[in-house]
Amino acid sequence: MSDSGTARLPTSGELTAWRSFLRAHARVTRWLETELIAEQRLSLAAYDVLVQLAGAPEHKLRMTELAELVLLSRSGVTRLVDRLERAGLVSRERADSDGRGVVAVLTERGLDRLRSAAATHMRGIARHFVALLDTKELAALGLTCDRLADGELPVTQAKQAQA
């Protein structure tokens, strides 16, 4: 893609790869979600909120940061945190730094629930993702997804864009 925003359209082969990526993502996340709900009564998005909070300093994140990390809108994360708060898994506090912002905080109950749900989730990842790929495929997919997530151009395109 050039800086002017004009890019060539994808070829049919490239569109096939794109659709395969979307189908794979949808399939794996659908299975993971189904298992979490059936075994833990917890959605994949709720699980992700608990994971992000567990990994944050003091188990706290500003709501805006949390929304970015779990790929939800601010209103979407607010509604989800509302439900998690009613379940006693998360609480809200005023941000220490300015008093205007709000942080979501993982409760002890939330941490216990996360530990329980993690077993279900990890089994699902092993079954629906890891078991279907060999070591080389997993490594290549990891690198590819990192590049996509970071928005990096492949080396050849980066050189062309600089020219």
N, C-alpha and C. Protein backbone atom coordinates (compact mmCIF):
# COMPACT_ATOMS: atom_id res chain seq x y z
N MET A 1 0.85 -1.18 0.00
CA MET A 1 0.00 0.00 0.00
C MET A 1 0.88 1.23 0.00
N SER A 2 0.56 2.20 -0.78
CA SER A 2 1.33 3.44 -0.80
C SER A 2 0.78 4.40 0.24
N ASP A 3 1.55 5.45 0.49
CA ASP A 3 1.13 6.44 1.48
C ASP A 3 -0.14 7.16 1.09
N SER A 4 -0.44 7.21 -0.22
CA SER A 4 -1.62 7.93 -0.68
C SER A 4 -2.91 7.17 -0.39
N GLY A 5 -2.78 5.92 0.11
CA GLY A 5 -3.97 5.15 0.45
C GLY A 5 -4.52 4.35 -0.71
N THR A 6 -3.89 4.44 -1.87
CA THR A 6 -4.36 3.67 -3.01
C THR A 6 -3.60 2.36 -3.05
N ALA A 7 -4.32 1.28 -2.99
CA ALA A 7 -3.70 -0.04 -3.01
C ALA A 7 -4.37 -0.86 -4.09
N ARG A 8 -3.63 -1.81 -4.57
CA ARG A 8 -4.23 -2.72 -5.54
C ARG A 8 -5.26 -3.58 -4.81
N LEU A 9 -6.19 -4.10 -5.53
CA LEU A 9 -7.19 -4.98 -4.93
C LEU A 9 -6.59 -6.37 -4.76
N PRO A 10 -7.06 -7.12 -3.76
CA PRO A 10 -6.53 -8.47 -3.55
C PRO A 10 -6.88 -9.39 -4.71
N THR A 11 -5.98 -10.31 -4.98
CA THR A 11 -6.23 -11.33 -6.01
C THR A 11 -7.21 -12.35 -5.43
N SER A 12 -7.73 -13.22 -6.28
CA SER A 12 -8.65 -14.25 -5.79
C SER A 12 -7.94 -15.18 -4.81
N GLY A 13 -6.67 -15.48 -5.05
CA GLY A 13 -5.91 -16.31 -4.11
C GLY A 13 -5.72 -15.64 -2.76
N GLU A 14 -5.47 -14.33 -2.80
CA GLU A 14 -5.32 -13.57 -1.55
C GLU A 14 -6.64 -13.49 -0.80
N LEU A 15 -7.74 -13.34 -1.53
CA LEU A 15 -9.06 -13.34 -0.89
C LEU A 15 -9.38 -14.70 -0.29
N THR A 16 -8.96 -15.76 -0.94
CA THR A 16 -9.15 -17.11 -0.40
C THR A 16 -8.41 -17.25 0.92
N ALA A 17 -7.17 -16.77 0.96
CA ALA A 17 -6.39 -16.83 2.21
C ALA A 17 -7.06 -16.01 3.30
N TRP A 18 -7.56 -14.83 2.95
CA TRP A 18 -8.25 -13.96 3.91
C TRP A 18 -9.48 -14.66 4.49
N ARG A 19 -10.27 -15.25 3.60
CA ARG A 19 -11.48 -15.94 4.05
C ARG A 19 -11.14 -17.14 4.93
N SER A 20 -10.08 -17.83 4.59
CA SER A 20 -9.64 -18.97 5.41
C SER A 20 -9.24 -18.49 6.80
N PHE A 21 -8.53 -17.37 6.86
CA PHE A 21 -8.15 -16.79 8.15
C PHE A 21 -9.39 -16.45 8.98
N LEU A 22 -10.37 -15.81 8.36
CA LEU A 22 -11.60 -15.44 9.07
C LEU A 22 -12.37 -16.68 9.54
N ARG A 23 -12.48 -17.69 8.66
CA ARG A 23 -13.18 -18.93 9.04
C ARG A 23 -12.48 -19.62 10.19
N ALA A 24 -11.15 -19.69 10.13
CA ALA A 24 -10.38 -20.34 11.20
C ALA A 24 -10.57 -19.60 12.52
N HIS A 25 -10.47 -18.29 12.49
CA HIS A 25 -10.66 -17.50 13.71
C HIS A 25 -12.06 -17.72 14.28
N ALA A 26 -13.06 -17.65 13.42
CA ALA A 26 -14.44 -17.82 13.87
C ALA A 26 -14.66 -19.22 14.46
N ARG A 27 -14.13 -20.24 13.80
CA ARG A 27 -14.32 -21.61 14.27
C ARG A 27 -13.68 -21.81 15.64
N VAL A 28 -12.42 -21.41 15.77
CA VAL A 28 -11.71 -21.62 17.03
C VAL A 28 -12.35 -20.83 18.16
N THR A 29 -12.65 -19.56 17.92
CA THR A 29 -13.26 -18.76 18.99
C THR A 29 -14.66 -19.25 19.33
N ARG A 30 -15.39 -19.74 18.34
CA ARG A 30 -16.74 -20.28 18.62
C ARG A 30 -16.63 -21.50 19.55
N TRP A 31 -15.69 -22.41 19.27
CA TRP A 31 -15.51 -23.58 20.12
C TRP A 31 -15.06 -23.19 21.52
N LEU A 32 -14.10 -22.27 21.61
CA LEU A 32 -13.62 -21.84 22.92
C LEU A 32 -14.73 -21.19 23.73
N GLU A 33 -15.51 -20.36 23.08
CA GLU A 33 -16.64 -19.70 23.74
C GLU A 33 -17.67 -20.72 24.22
N THR A 34 -18.01 -21.66 23.34
CA THR A 34 -19.00 -22.68 23.68
C THR A 34 -18.57 -23.47 24.91
N GLU A 35 -17.30 -23.86 24.95
CA GLU A 35 -16.80 -24.64 26.09
C GLU A 35 -16.76 -23.82 27.37
N LEU A 36 -16.34 -22.56 27.28
CA LEU A 36 -16.31 -21.72 28.48
C LEU A 36 -17.71 -21.50 29.04
N ILE A 37 -18.66 -21.27 28.16
CA ILE A 37 -20.03 -21.05 28.63
C ILE A 37 -20.60 -22.33 29.23
N ALA A 38 -20.40 -23.46 28.54
CA ALA A 38 -20.95 -24.73 29.03
C ALA A 38 -20.33 -25.16 30.36
N GLU A 39 -19.02 -25.03 30.49
CA GLU A 39 -18.34 -25.54 31.67
C GLU A 39 -18.19 -24.50 32.78
N GLN A 40 -18.11 -23.22 32.40
CA GLN A 40 -17.79 -22.19 33.39
C GLN A 40 -18.84 -21.08 33.50
N ARG A 41 -19.82 -21.10 32.59
CA ARG A 41 -20.82 -20.03 32.54
C ARG A 41 -20.14 -18.66 32.44
N LEU A 42 -19.15 -18.61 31.55
CA LEU A 42 -18.37 -17.40 31.37
C LEU A 42 -18.10 -17.23 29.87
N SER A 43 -18.40 -16.05 29.34
CA SER A 43 -18.15 -15.81 27.91
C SER A 43 -16.65 -15.64 27.67
N LEU A 44 -16.25 -15.78 26.42
CA LEU A 44 -14.85 -15.60 26.06
C LEU A 44 -14.42 -14.15 26.34
N ALA A 45 -15.28 -13.19 26.07
CA ALA A 45 -14.96 -11.78 26.34
C ALA A 45 -14.79 -11.55 27.84
N ALA A 46 -15.64 -12.14 28.66
CA ALA A 46 -15.51 -12.00 30.12
C ALA A 46 -14.21 -12.65 30.60
N TYR A 47 -13.91 -13.82 30.05
CA TYR A 47 -12.65 -14.49 30.39
C TYR A 47 -11.48 -13.58 30.04
N ASP A 48 -11.53 -12.97 28.87
CA ASP A 48 -10.45 -12.08 28.43
C ASP A 48 -10.29 -10.90 29.37
N VAL A 49 -11.39 -10.33 29.84
CA VAL A 49 -11.31 -9.23 30.81
C VAL A 49 -10.60 -9.69 32.07
N LEU A 50 -10.97 -10.86 32.57
CA LEU A 50 -10.33 -11.38 33.79
C LEU A 50 -8.84 -11.62 33.56
N VAL A 51 -8.48 -12.17 32.40
CA VAL A 51 -7.07 -12.41 32.07
C VAL A 51 -6.30 -11.09 32.04
N GLN A 52 -6.85 -10.08 31.37
CA GLN A 52 -6.15 -8.80 31.26
C GLN A 52 -5.96 -8.15 32.62
N LEU A 53 -6.98 -8.23 33.46
CA LEU A 53 -6.87 -7.66 34.81
C LEU A 53 -5.86 -8.44 35.65
N ALA A 54 -5.84 -9.75 35.52
CA ALA A 54 -4.91 -10.58 36.29
C ALA A 54 -3.46 -10.24 35.92
N GLY A 55 -3.22 -9.87 34.68
CA GLY A 55 -1.87 -9.56 34.23
C GLY A 55 -1.45 -8.12 34.45
N ALA A 56 -2.35 -7.29 34.90
CA ALA A 56 -2.06 -5.87 35.10
C ALA A 56 -1.47 -5.63 36.49
N PRO A 57 -0.67 -4.57 36.62
CA PRO A 57 -0.16 -4.22 37.95
C PRO A 57 -1.30 -4.00 38.94
N GLU A 58 -1.18 -4.63 40.08
CA GLU A 58 -2.20 -4.54 41.13
C GLU A 58 -3.57 -5.04 40.67
N HIS A 59 -3.60 -5.78 39.57
CA HIS A 59 -4.85 -6.31 39.00
C HIS A 59 -5.85 -5.21 38.66
N LYS A 60 -5.34 -4.04 38.20
CA LYS A 60 -6.18 -2.88 37.90
C LYS A 60 -5.85 -2.36 36.50
N LEU A 61 -6.89 -1.91 35.81
CA LEU A 61 -6.72 -1.23 34.53
C LEU A 61 -7.78 -0.14 34.39
N ARG A 62 -7.38 0.97 33.78
CA ARG A 62 -8.38 1.98 33.42
C ARG A 62 -9.34 1.35 32.43
N MET A 63 -10.56 1.78 32.46
CA MET A 63 -11.58 1.22 31.57
C MET A 63 -11.19 1.41 30.10
N THR A 64 -10.60 2.55 29.76
CA THR A 64 -10.20 2.77 28.37
C THR A 64 -9.09 1.80 27.96
N GLU A 65 -8.14 1.55 28.84
CA GLU A 65 -7.07 0.59 28.54
C GLU A 65 -7.65 -0.82 28.39
N LEU A 66 -8.56 -1.15 29.27
CA LEU A 66 -9.18 -2.47 29.22
C LEU A 66 -9.93 -2.66 27.90
N ALA A 67 -10.65 -1.63 27.48
CA ALA A 67 -11.40 -1.71 26.22
C ALA A 67 -10.45 -1.97 25.05
N GLU A 68 -9.31 -1.31 25.04
CA GLU A 68 -8.33 -1.53 23.96
C GLU A 68 -7.77 -2.94 23.99
N LEU A 69 -7.47 -3.44 25.17
CA LEU A 69 -6.86 -4.76 25.30
C LEU A 69 -7.80 -5.89 24.91
N VAL A 70 -9.08 -5.74 25.20
CA VAL A 70 -10.03 -6.81 24.88
C VAL A 70 -10.79 -6.56 23.59
N LEU A 71 -10.41 -5.51 22.89
CA LEU A 71 -10.99 -5.20 21.57
C LEU A 71 -12.50 -5.00 21.62
N LEU A 72 -12.95 -4.28 22.63
CA LEU A 72 -14.35 -3.90 22.74
C LEU A 72 -14.43 -2.38 22.74
N SER A 73 -15.59 -1.87 22.39
CA SER A 73 -15.81 -0.43 22.50
C SER A 73 -15.86 -0.07 23.99
N ARG A 74 -15.75 1.21 24.27
CA ARG A 74 -15.84 1.64 25.68
C ARG A 74 -17.18 1.25 26.28
N SER A 75 -18.25 1.43 25.50
CA SER A 75 -19.57 1.08 26.04
C SER A 75 -19.69 -0.44 26.19
N GLY A 76 -19.10 -1.19 25.27
CA GLY A 76 -19.14 -2.65 25.38
C GLY A 76 -18.41 -3.15 26.60
N VAL A 77 -17.25 -2.59 26.88
CA VAL A 77 -16.50 -3.02 28.06
C VAL A 77 -17.20 -2.56 29.34
N THR A 78 -17.85 -1.40 29.29
CA THR A 78 -18.60 -0.93 30.46
C THR A 78 -19.73 -1.89 30.79
N ARG A 79 -20.47 -2.32 29.78
CA ARG A 79 -21.57 -3.27 30.02
C ARG A 79 -21.04 -4.61 30.54
N LEU A 80 -19.94 -5.07 29.99
CA LEU A 80 -19.36 -6.34 30.42
C LEU A 80 -18.85 -6.23 31.85
N VAL A 81 -18.16 -5.15 32.18
CA VAL A 81 -17.68 -4.95 33.55
C VAL A 81 -18.86 -4.81 34.52
N ASP A 82 -19.94 -4.20 34.07
CA ASP A 82 -21.15 -4.14 34.91
C ASP A 82 -21.59 -5.55 35.31
N ARG A 83 -21.65 -6.45 34.33
CA ARG A 83 -22.07 -7.83 34.62
C ARG A 83 -21.07 -8.54 35.53
N LEU A 84 -19.79 -8.34 35.26
CA LEU A 84 -18.76 -8.98 36.09
C LEU A 84 -18.77 -8.41 37.51
N GLU A 85 -19.09 -7.14 37.62
CA GLU A 85 -19.18 -6.52 38.95
C GLU A 85 -20.37 -7.09 39.73
N ARG A 86 -21.50 -7.25 39.06
CA ARG A 86 -22.67 -7.86 39.72
C ARG A 86 -22.38 -9.28 40.18
N ALA A 87 -21.52 -9.98 39.45
CA ALA A 87 -21.15 -11.35 39.82
C ALA A 87 -20.05 -11.38 40.88
N GLY A 88 -19.53 -10.22 41.25
CA GLY A 88 -18.49 -10.15 42.27
C GLY A 88 -17.09 -10.48 41.77
N LEU A 89 -16.91 -10.50 40.45
CA LEU A 89 -15.61 -10.87 39.89
C LEU A 89 -14.69 -9.67 39.67
N VAL A 90 -15.30 -8.50 39.56
CA VAL A 90 -14.58 -7.25 39.30
C VAL A 90 -15.22 -6.17 40.15
N SER A 91 -14.43 -5.20 40.56
CA SER A 91 -14.97 -4.01 41.21
C SER A 91 -14.44 -2.79 40.47
N ARG A 92 -15.01 -1.64 40.77
CA ARG A 92 -14.55 -0.39 40.16
C ARG A 92 -14.03 0.52 41.26
N GLU A 93 -13.00 1.30 40.90
CA GLU A 93 -12.44 2.29 41.82
C GLU A 93 -12.12 3.55 41.02
N ARG A 94 -12.01 4.65 41.71
CA ARG A 94 -11.54 5.88 41.07
C ARG A 94 -10.05 5.74 40.82
N ALA A 95 -9.58 6.28 39.71
CA ALA A 95 -8.15 6.24 39.39
C ALA A 95 -7.39 7.10 40.40
N ASP A 96 -6.30 6.56 40.93
CA ASP A 96 -5.49 7.28 41.92
C ASP A 96 -4.89 8.55 41.35
N SER A 97 -4.45 8.50 40.11
CA SER A 97 -3.68 9.61 39.55
C SER A 97 -4.47 10.90 39.39
N ASP A 98 -5.73 10.81 38.99
CA ASP A 98 -6.47 12.04 38.77
C ASP A 98 -7.85 12.06 39.41
N GLY A 99 -8.31 10.95 39.89
CA GLY A 99 -9.60 10.91 40.56
C GLY A 99 -10.79 11.00 39.62
N ARG A 100 -10.54 11.30 38.34
CA ARG A 100 -11.66 11.41 37.40
C ARG A 100 -11.92 10.10 36.68
N GLY A 101 -10.86 9.38 36.41
CA GLY A 101 -10.99 8.13 35.68
C GLY A 101 -11.45 7.00 36.58
N VAL A 102 -11.86 5.92 35.95
CA VAL A 102 -12.32 4.74 36.68
C VAL A 102 -11.45 3.56 36.26
N VAL A 103 -11.08 2.76 37.25
CA VAL A 103 -10.33 1.55 36.97
C VAL A 103 -11.18 0.34 37.34
N ALA A 104 -11.00 -0.72 36.56
CA ALA A 104 -11.60 -2.01 36.90
C ALA A 104 -10.55 -2.78 37.69
N VAL A 105 -11.01 -3.47 38.73
CA VAL A 105 -10.10 -4.20 39.62
C VAL A 105 -10.59 -5.64 39.73
N LEU A 106 -9.69 -6.58 39.54
CA LEU A 106 -10.01 -7.99 39.69
C LEU A 106 -10.14 -8.32 41.17
N THR A 107 -11.25 -8.91 41.57
CA THR A 107 -11.45 -9.30 42.96
C THR A 107 -10.85 -10.69 43.21
N GLU A 108 -10.74 -11.08 44.47
CA GLU A 108 -10.28 -12.44 44.80
C GLU A 108 -11.20 -13.48 44.18
N ARG A 109 -12.49 -13.21 44.24
CA ARG A 109 -13.45 -14.13 43.62
C ARG A 109 -13.23 -14.22 42.12
N GLY A 110 -12.92 -13.09 41.49
CA GLY A 110 -12.63 -13.07 40.06
C GLY A 110 -11.37 -13.86 39.73
N LEU A 111 -10.35 -13.73 40.59
CA LEU A 111 -9.11 -14.47 40.37
C LEU A 111 -9.36 -15.98 40.52
N ASP A 112 -10.15 -16.37 41.51
CA ASP A 112 -10.50 -17.78 41.66
C ASP A 112 -11.27 -18.30 40.45
N ARG A 113 -12.20 -17.49 39.97
CA ARG A 113 -12.99 -17.88 38.80
C ARG A 113 -12.12 -18.01 37.56
N LEU A 114 -11.16 -17.11 37.43
CA LEU A 114 -10.23 -17.16 36.31
C LEU A 114 -9.41 -18.44 36.37
N ARG A 115 -8.92 -18.79 37.54
CA ARG A 115 -8.12 -20.02 37.67
C ARG A 115 -8.93 -21.24 37.24
N SER A 116 -10.17 -21.29 37.63
CA SER A 116 -11.04 -22.40 37.25
C SER A 116 -11.29 -22.41 35.74
N ALA A 117 -11.60 -21.24 35.20
CA ALA A 117 -11.91 -21.14 33.77
C ALA A 117 -10.68 -21.37 32.90
N ALA A 118 -9.50 -21.06 33.43
CA ALA A 118 -8.27 -21.22 32.64
C ALA A 118 -8.05 -22.68 32.24
N ALA A 119 -8.41 -23.61 33.11
CA ALA A 119 -8.24 -25.02 32.77
C ALA A 119 -9.09 -25.39 31.56
N THR A 120 -10.32 -24.94 31.55
CA THR A 120 -11.22 -25.18 30.41
C THR A 120 -10.66 -24.54 29.15
N HIS A 121 -10.23 -23.30 29.27
CA HIS A 121 -9.74 -22.54 28.11
C HIS A 121 -8.46 -23.17 27.55
N MET A 122 -7.53 -23.53 28.41
CA MET A 122 -6.27 -24.12 27.93
C MET A 122 -6.50 -25.48 27.26
N ARG A 123 -7.41 -26.27 27.81
CA ARG A 123 -7.76 -27.54 27.14
C ARG A 123 -8.34 -27.27 25.76
N GLY A 124 -9.17 -26.25 25.65
CA GLY A 124 -9.76 -25.89 24.36
C GLY A 124 -8.71 -25.43 23.36
N ILE A 125 -7.77 -24.62 23.80
CA ILE A 125 -6.70 -24.17 22.92
C ILE A 125 -5.89 -25.37 22.43
N ALA A 126 -5.58 -26.27 23.35
CA ALA A 126 -4.82 -27.47 22.96
C ALA A 126 -5.61 -28.30 21.94
N ARG A 127 -6.89 -28.46 22.15
CA ARG A 127 -7.73 -29.32 21.30
C ARG A 127 -8.05 -28.68 19.95
N HIS A 128 -8.42 -27.42 19.94
CA HIS A 128 -8.94 -26.79 18.73
C HIS A 128 -7.91 -25.98 17.94
N PHE A 129 -6.71 -25.86 18.49
CA PHE A 129 -5.68 -25.05 17.82
C PHE A 129 -4.35 -25.81 17.75
N VAL A 130 -3.76 -26.05 18.89
CA VAL A 130 -2.42 -26.65 18.93
C VAL A 130 -2.39 -28.04 18.29
N ALA A 131 -3.37 -28.87 18.58
CA ALA A 131 -3.38 -30.25 18.07
C ALA A 131 -3.50 -30.32 16.55
N LEU A 132 -3.96 -29.25 15.92
CA LEU A 132 -4.16 -29.26 14.47
C LEU A 132 -2.95 -28.80 13.68
N LEU A 133 -1.92 -28.33 14.36
CA LEU A 133 -0.75 -27.78 13.70
C LEU A 133 0.52 -28.42 14.26
N ASP A 134 1.53 -28.56 13.39
CA ASP A 134 2.80 -29.06 13.90
C ASP A 134 3.64 -27.88 14.40
N THR A 135 4.79 -28.17 14.97
CA THR A 135 5.63 -27.14 15.58
C THR A 135 6.02 -26.05 14.60
N LYS A 136 6.41 -26.43 13.38
CA LYS A 136 6.80 -25.44 12.37
C LYS A 136 5.62 -24.57 11.96
N GLU A 137 4.46 -25.18 11.79
CA GLU A 137 3.26 -24.41 11.42
C GLU A 137 2.89 -23.42 12.53
N LEU A 138 2.98 -23.86 13.78
CA LEU A 138 2.67 -22.97 14.91
C LEU A 138 3.63 -21.79 14.94
N ALA A 139 4.92 -22.06 14.73
CA ALA A 139 5.92 -20.98 14.73
C ALA A 139 5.65 -20.00 13.59
N ALA A 140 5.40 -20.52 12.39
CA ALA A 140 5.13 -19.65 11.24
C ALA A 140 3.86 -18.84 11.45
N LEU A 141 2.82 -19.47 11.96
CA LEU A 141 1.56 -18.77 12.21
C LEU A 141 1.75 -17.69 13.27
N GLY A 142 2.52 -18.00 14.30
CA GLY A 142 2.80 -17.01 15.34
C GLY A 142 3.49 -15.78 14.77
N LEU A 143 4.49 -16.00 13.94
CA LEU A 143 5.20 -14.88 13.32
C LEU A 143 4.27 -14.08 12.40
N THR A 144 3.48 -14.78 11.63
CA THR A 144 2.54 -14.11 10.72
C THR A 144 1.54 -13.27 11.50
N CYS A 145 0.97 -13.84 12.53
CA CYS A 145 -0.03 -13.11 13.32
C CYS A 145 0.60 -11.93 14.06
N ASP A 146 1.84 -12.09 14.53
CA ASP A 146 2.54 -10.95 15.15
C ASP A 146 2.68 -9.81 14.15
N ARG A 147 3.07 -10.15 12.92
CA ARG A 147 3.25 -9.13 11.89
C ARG A 147 1.91 -8.45 11.59
N LEU A 148 0.85 -9.24 11.48
CA LEU A 148 -0.47 -8.66 11.23
C LEU A 148 -0.91 -7.76 12.38
N ALA A 149 -0.70 -8.23 13.60
CA ALA A 149 -1.11 -7.46 14.78
C ALA A 149 -0.33 -6.16 14.91
N ASP A 150 0.95 -6.20 14.52
CA ASP A 150 1.80 -5.01 14.62
C ASP A 150 1.70 -4.10 13.41
N GLY A 151 1.06 -4.58 12.34
CA GLY A 151 0.91 -3.79 11.13
C GLY A 151 2.19 -3.64 10.35
N GLU A 152 3.10 -4.59 10.51
CA GLU A 152 4.38 -4.52 9.81
C GLU A 152 4.23 -5.00 8.37
N LEU A 153 4.93 -4.32 7.48
CA LEU A 153 4.98 -4.76 6.10
C LEU A 153 6.04 -5.85 5.96
N PRO A 154 5.82 -6.81 5.07
CA PRO A 154 6.90 -7.76 4.78
C PRO A 154 8.13 -7.01 4.27
N VAL A 155 9.30 -7.57 4.44
CA VAL A 155 10.56 -6.90 4.09
C VAL A 155 10.54 -6.37 2.65
N THR A 156 10.09 -7.17 1.71
CA THR A 156 10.08 -6.73 0.30
C THR A 156 9.17 -5.53 0.09
N GLN A 157 8.00 -5.53 0.71
CA GLN A 157 7.09 -4.38 0.55
C GLN A 157 7.62 -3.16 1.28
N ALA A 158 8.26 -3.36 2.41
CA ALA A 158 8.81 -2.22 3.17
C ALA A 158 9.89 -1.53 2.33
N LYS A 159 10.74 -2.32 1.64
CA LYS A 159 11.78 -1.75 0.79
C LYS A 159 11.15 -0.99 -0.37
N GLN A 160 10.08 -1.54 -0.96
CA GLN A 160 9.40 -0.88 -2.08
C GLN A 160 8.76 0.43 -1.62
N ALA A 161 8.18 0.41 -0.42
CA ALA A 161 7.51 1.62 0.10
C ALA A 161 8.51 2.72 0.37
N GLN A 162 9.75 2.35 0.75
CA GLN A 162 10.78 3.36 1.02
C GLN A 162 11.34 3.96 -0.26
N ALA A 163 11.27 3.22 -1.36
CA ALA A 163 11.87 3.67 -2.62
C ALA A 163 11.07 4.78 -3.26
